[in-house]
Amino acid sequence: MSDTTALNALNALLARSAALHGMLSEFLGLTPSVVGSRSRVSRVMCGISYEHAESVKILTASGNFTSSAGLLRLQYEASVRAFWVAYAASNGFVDKLAASLSVETERKASKLPMLGEMLEQLESLAPKEAVGMLNDFREHQWKPLNSFVHGGLHAIHRHGKGYPVVLLLQVVRSSNGLLMMTAMLLVILHGGGDQRGRMAAIQQEFADCLPPSGLASG
């Protein structure tokens, strides 16, 4: 693939991703079917994941590829926590996350389970498809993304020698996949209703900018 062809492919994917993000942003306005701290905190985490998703694409478009890869991990963590709060967190943990910010509440909230524990707790409680994809992401992308966050070998090698376009395309598609999952959670929190079936239609329309495995149903 020539440099020009590679750049065109990346720009095309970024344009399609912007369109996808714009469509999925509508789900941020959905009201939850059950009002309370759990749904509120989960929806806030969804909003954080959305913000990270947008920033991944902005950083990629501006050529800040190392920062973009590192931010993908933050997007993933926000998505996992959104699902965990919605399905598996105890009322005590939800209360800690919903509390007003202070030195004391910050200390209490810092004692939440690690990411791996959250995923284990989700196994029997959240939709199997979502849990499977969150686990698959962690298995295949967690270690290299940690390297980008902490200035490890992946970050040094790629930043020093350049990023192959196939890796950049993968980062953007992975970000889009997580965005789809987060939107799916917003629809679930809403209770489905008139939104039922929209995720599958959107997935089909934007299959070209999603991971090969696809994502949403319902």
Protein backbone atom coordinates (compact mmCIF):
# COMPACT_ATOMS: atom_id res chain seq x y z
CA MET A 1 0.00 0.00 0.00
CA SER A 2 1.50 3.34 -1.07
CA ASP A 3 1.69 6.28 1.34
CA THR A 4 -1.04 8.07 -0.60
CA THR A 5 -3.33 5.05 -0.61
CA ALA A 6 -2.73 4.50 3.10
CA LEU A 7 -3.50 8.12 3.94
CA ASN A 8 -6.67 8.01 1.84
CA ALA A 9 -7.81 4.83 3.61
CA LEU A 10 -7.24 6.38 7.02
CA ASN A 11 -8.98 9.63 6.11
CA ALA A 12 -11.95 7.71 4.70
CA LEU A 13 -12.24 5.68 7.89
CA LEU A 14 -12.06 8.81 10.04
CA ALA A 15 -14.82 10.45 7.99
CA ARG A 16 -17.07 7.42 8.34
CA SER A 17 -16.24 7.23 12.04
CA ALA A 18 -17.32 10.84 12.52
CA ALA A 19 -20.65 10.02 10.90
CA LEU A 20 -21.05 6.98 13.15
CA HIS A 21 -20.21 9.00 16.24
CA GLY A 22 -22.73 11.66 15.27
CA MET A 23 -25.48 9.07 14.90
CA LEU A 24 -24.65 7.28 18.16
CA SER A 25 -24.51 10.58 20.05
CA GLU A 26 -28.31 10.62 19.89
CA PHE A 27 -28.38 7.82 22.45
CA LEU A 28 -26.75 10.06 25.06
CA GLY A 29 -30.09 11.87 25.25
CA LEU A 30 -32.09 8.75 26.10
CA THR A 31 -33.68 8.77 29.55
CA PRO A 32 -33.21 5.65 31.71
CA SER A 33 -36.24 3.50 32.42
CA VAL A 34 -35.21 3.23 36.07
CA VAL A 35 -34.14 6.49 37.69
CA GLY A 36 -31.50 6.25 40.40
CA SER A 37 -27.82 6.45 41.26
CA ARG A 38 -26.94 3.24 39.39
CA SER A 39 -28.34 4.36 36.04
CA ARG A 40 -27.01 7.90 36.53
CA VAL A 41 -23.43 6.80 37.25
CA SER A 42 -23.49 4.24 34.44
CA ARG A 43 -24.70 6.89 31.98
CA VAL A 44 -21.96 9.28 33.13
CA MET A 45 -19.39 6.56 32.45
CA CYS A 46 -20.94 6.07 29.02
CA GLY A 47 -20.50 9.79 28.39
CA ILE A 48 -16.84 9.56 29.40
CA SER A 49 -16.35 6.64 27.02
CA TYR A 50 -17.99 8.66 24.23
CA GLU A 51 -15.64 11.56 24.91
CA HIS A 52 -12.60 9.30 24.77
CA ALA A 53 -13.88 7.77 21.52
CA GLU A 54 -14.15 11.17 19.89
CA SER A 55 -10.70 12.14 21.15
CA VAL A 56 -9.13 8.93 19.77
CA LYS A 57 -10.24 9.99 16.30
CA ILE A 58 -9.22 13.62 16.76
CA LEU A 59 -5.73 12.60 17.89
CA THR A 60 -5.40 10.13 15.03
CA ALA A 61 -6.44 12.77 12.50
CA SER A 62 -3.87 15.21 13.92
CA GLY A 63 -1.05 12.64 13.75
CA ASN A 64 -0.72 12.14 17.53
CA PHE A 65 -0.82 8.37 17.16
CA THR A 66 0.87 7.41 20.45
CA SER A 67 -1.59 9.49 22.44
CA SER A 68 -4.48 8.06 20.43
CA ALA A 69 -3.46 4.47 21.21
CA GLY A 70 -3.06 5.29 24.90
CA LEU A 71 -6.48 6.92 25.03
CA LEU A 72 -8.07 3.81 23.55
CA ARG A 73 -7.26 2.03 26.80
CA LEU A 74 -9.02 4.76 28.79
CA GLN A 75 -12.06 4.40 26.55
CA TYR A 76 -12.08 0.66 27.18
CA GLU A 77 -11.82 1.12 30.95
CA ALA A 78 -14.70 3.60 30.93
CA SER A 79 -16.84 1.17 28.92
CA VAL A 80 -16.10 -1.73 31.27
CA ARG A 81 -16.93 0.38 34.30
CA ALA A 82 -20.18 1.58 32.71
CA PHE A 83 -21.31 -2.03 32.28
CA TRP A 84 -20.06 -3.00 35.74
CA VAL A 85 -21.98 -0.20 37.43
CA ALA A 86 -25.13 -1.07 35.47
CA TYR A 87 -25.04 -4.82 36.14
CA ALA A 88 -22.65 -5.93 38.86
CA ALA A 89 -21.59 -3.20 41.29
CA SER A 90 -22.97 -3.47 44.80
CA ASN A 91 -25.17 -0.68 46.08
CA GLY A 92 -22.28 0.33 48.33
CA PHE A 93 -19.92 0.81 45.40
CA VAL A 94 -22.58 2.70 43.45
CA ASP A 95 -23.06 5.02 46.41
CA LYS A 96 -19.31 5.67 46.55
CA LEU A 97 -19.24 6.64 42.89
CA ALA A 98 -22.38 8.75 43.17
CA ALA A 99 -21.17 10.73 46.20
CA SER A 100 -20.13 14.38 46.00
CA LEU A 101 -16.40 14.87 45.46
CA SER A 102 -14.32 15.32 48.61
CA VAL A 103 -11.07 13.99 50.03
CA GLU A 104 -12.99 11.35 51.97
CA THR A 105 -15.22 10.19 49.11
CA GLU A 106 -12.21 10.13 46.77
CA ARG A 107 -10.43 7.82 49.23
CA LYS A 108 -13.40 5.48 49.41
CA ALA A 109 -13.94 5.41 45.65
CA SER A 110 -10.28 4.52 45.08
CA LYS A 111 -10.94 1.09 46.61
CA LEU A 112 -13.07 -0.20 43.75
CA PRO A 113 -12.35 -3.65 42.24
CA MET A 114 -9.66 -3.96 39.59
CA LEU A 115 -10.70 -4.22 35.95
CA GLY A 116 -10.25 -8.00 35.86
CA GLU A 117 -12.53 -8.39 38.87
CA MET A 118 -15.19 -6.24 37.23
CA LEU A 119 -15.11 -8.44 34.14
CA GLU A 120 -15.40 -11.58 36.26
CA GLN A 121 -18.40 -10.15 38.10
CA LEU A 122 -20.05 -9.29 34.77
CA GLU A 123 -19.78 -12.87 33.47
CA SER A 124 -23.13 -14.10 34.75
CA LEU A 125 -24.95 -10.78 34.92
CA ALA A 126 -24.42 -8.74 31.74
CA PRO A 127 -25.36 -9.71 28.15
CA LYS A 128 -23.07 -12.54 27.03
CA GLU A 129 -22.20 -10.84 23.75
CA ALA A 130 -21.02 -7.69 25.51
CA VAL A 131 -19.00 -9.59 28.11
CA GLY A 132 -17.41 -11.75 25.42
CA MET A 133 -16.29 -8.74 23.42
CA LEU A 134 -14.98 -6.89 26.48
CA ASN A 135 -12.96 -9.98 27.44
CA ASP A 136 -11.72 -10.43 23.87
CA PHE A 137 -10.53 -6.82 23.79
CA ARG A 138 -8.64 -7.29 27.05
CA GLU A 139 -7.03 -10.52 25.89
CA HIS A 140 -5.71 -9.15 22.61
CA GLN A 141 -5.15 -5.43 23.18
CA TRP A 142 -4.65 -4.77 26.89
CA LYS A 143 -0.89 -5.39 27.09
CA PRO A 144 0.17 -3.31 24.06
CA LEU A 145 -2.17 -0.49 25.09
CA ASN A 146 -0.61 -0.52 28.57
CA SER A 147 2.73 -0.10 26.85
CA PHE A 148 1.49 3.03 25.09
CA VAL A 149 0.12 4.46 28.34
CA HIS A 150 3.27 3.79 30.35
CA GLY A 151 5.91 4.57 27.73
CA GLY A 152 6.89 0.94 27.16
CA LEU A 153 8.42 -0.88 24.20
CA HIS A 154 5.40 -0.52 21.92
CA ALA A 155 5.32 3.24 22.44
CA ILE A 156 9.08 3.64 21.97
CA HIS A 157 9.20 1.44 18.87
CA ARG A 158 6.17 2.90 17.12
CA HIS A 159 6.84 6.52 18.00
CA GLY A 160 10.46 6.15 16.93
CA LYS A 161 9.95 4.20 13.71
CA GLY A 162 6.47 5.18 12.63
CA TYR A 163 3.02 3.63 12.68
CA PRO A 164 1.90 1.23 9.94
CA VAL A 165 -1.50 2.24 8.61
CA VAL A 166 -2.95 -1.18 9.46
CA LEU A 167 -2.34 -0.43 13.16
CA LEU A 168 -3.95 3.00 12.93
CA LEU A 169 -6.97 1.51 11.19
CA GLN A 170 -7.21 -1.09 13.94
CA VAL A 171 -7.12 1.56 16.68
CA VAL A 172 -9.92 3.56 15.06
CA ARG A 173 -12.08 0.50 14.39
CA SER A 174 -11.55 -0.77 17.93
CA SER A 175 -12.61 2.60 19.28
CA ASN A 176 -15.71 2.51 17.09
CA GLY A 177 -16.51 -0.98 18.35
CA LEU A 178 -16.34 0.14 21.97
CA LEU A 179 -18.50 3.12 21.08
CA MET A 180 -21.14 0.79 19.66
CA MET A 181 -21.11 -1.29 22.83
CA THR A 182 -21.52 1.80 24.98
CA ALA A 183 -24.42 2.98 22.84
CA MET A 184 -25.98 -0.45 23.24
CA LEU A 185 -25.78 -0.05 27.02
CA LEU A 186 -27.52 3.32 26.79
CA VAL A 187 -30.34 1.68 24.85
CA ILE A 188 -30.58 -1.08 27.47
CA LEU A 189 -30.71 1.46 30.30
CA HIS A 190 -33.45 3.24 28.37
CA GLY A 191 -35.43 0.01 28.25
CA GLY A 192 -35.35 -0.46 24.49
CA GLY A 193 -38.75 0.80 23.44
CA ASP A 194 -38.74 2.71 20.18
CA GLN A 195 -34.96 2.25 19.98
CA ARG A 196 -35.19 -1.53 19.72
CA GLY A 197 -33.53 -2.77 16.55
CA ARG A 198 -31.65 0.46 15.80
CA MET A 199 -28.29 -0.87 16.95
CA ALA A 200 -28.39 -3.77 14.51
CA ALA A 201 -29.32 -1.40 11.68
CA ILE A 202 -26.49 0.98 12.56
CA GLN A 203 -24.04 -1.91 12.78
CA GLN A 204 -24.98 -3.03 9.31
CA GLU A 205 -24.77 0.49 7.88
CA PHE A 206 -21.33 1.15 9.39
CA ALA A 207 -19.84 -2.34 9.15
CA ASP A 208 -16.95 -0.89 7.14
CA CYS A 209 -15.63 1.05 10.14
CA LEU A 210 -16.20 -1.57 12.86
CA PRO A 211 -14.05 -4.54 13.94
CA PRO A 212 -14.63 -7.68 11.83
CA SER A 213 -16.49 -9.41 14.66
CA GLY A 214 -19.24 -6.79 14.67
CA LEU A 215 -20.87 -5.78 17.93
CA ALA A 216 -24.41 -4.95 18.69
CA SER A 217 -27.68 -6.76 18.52
CA GLY A 218 -31.17 -5.73 19.50
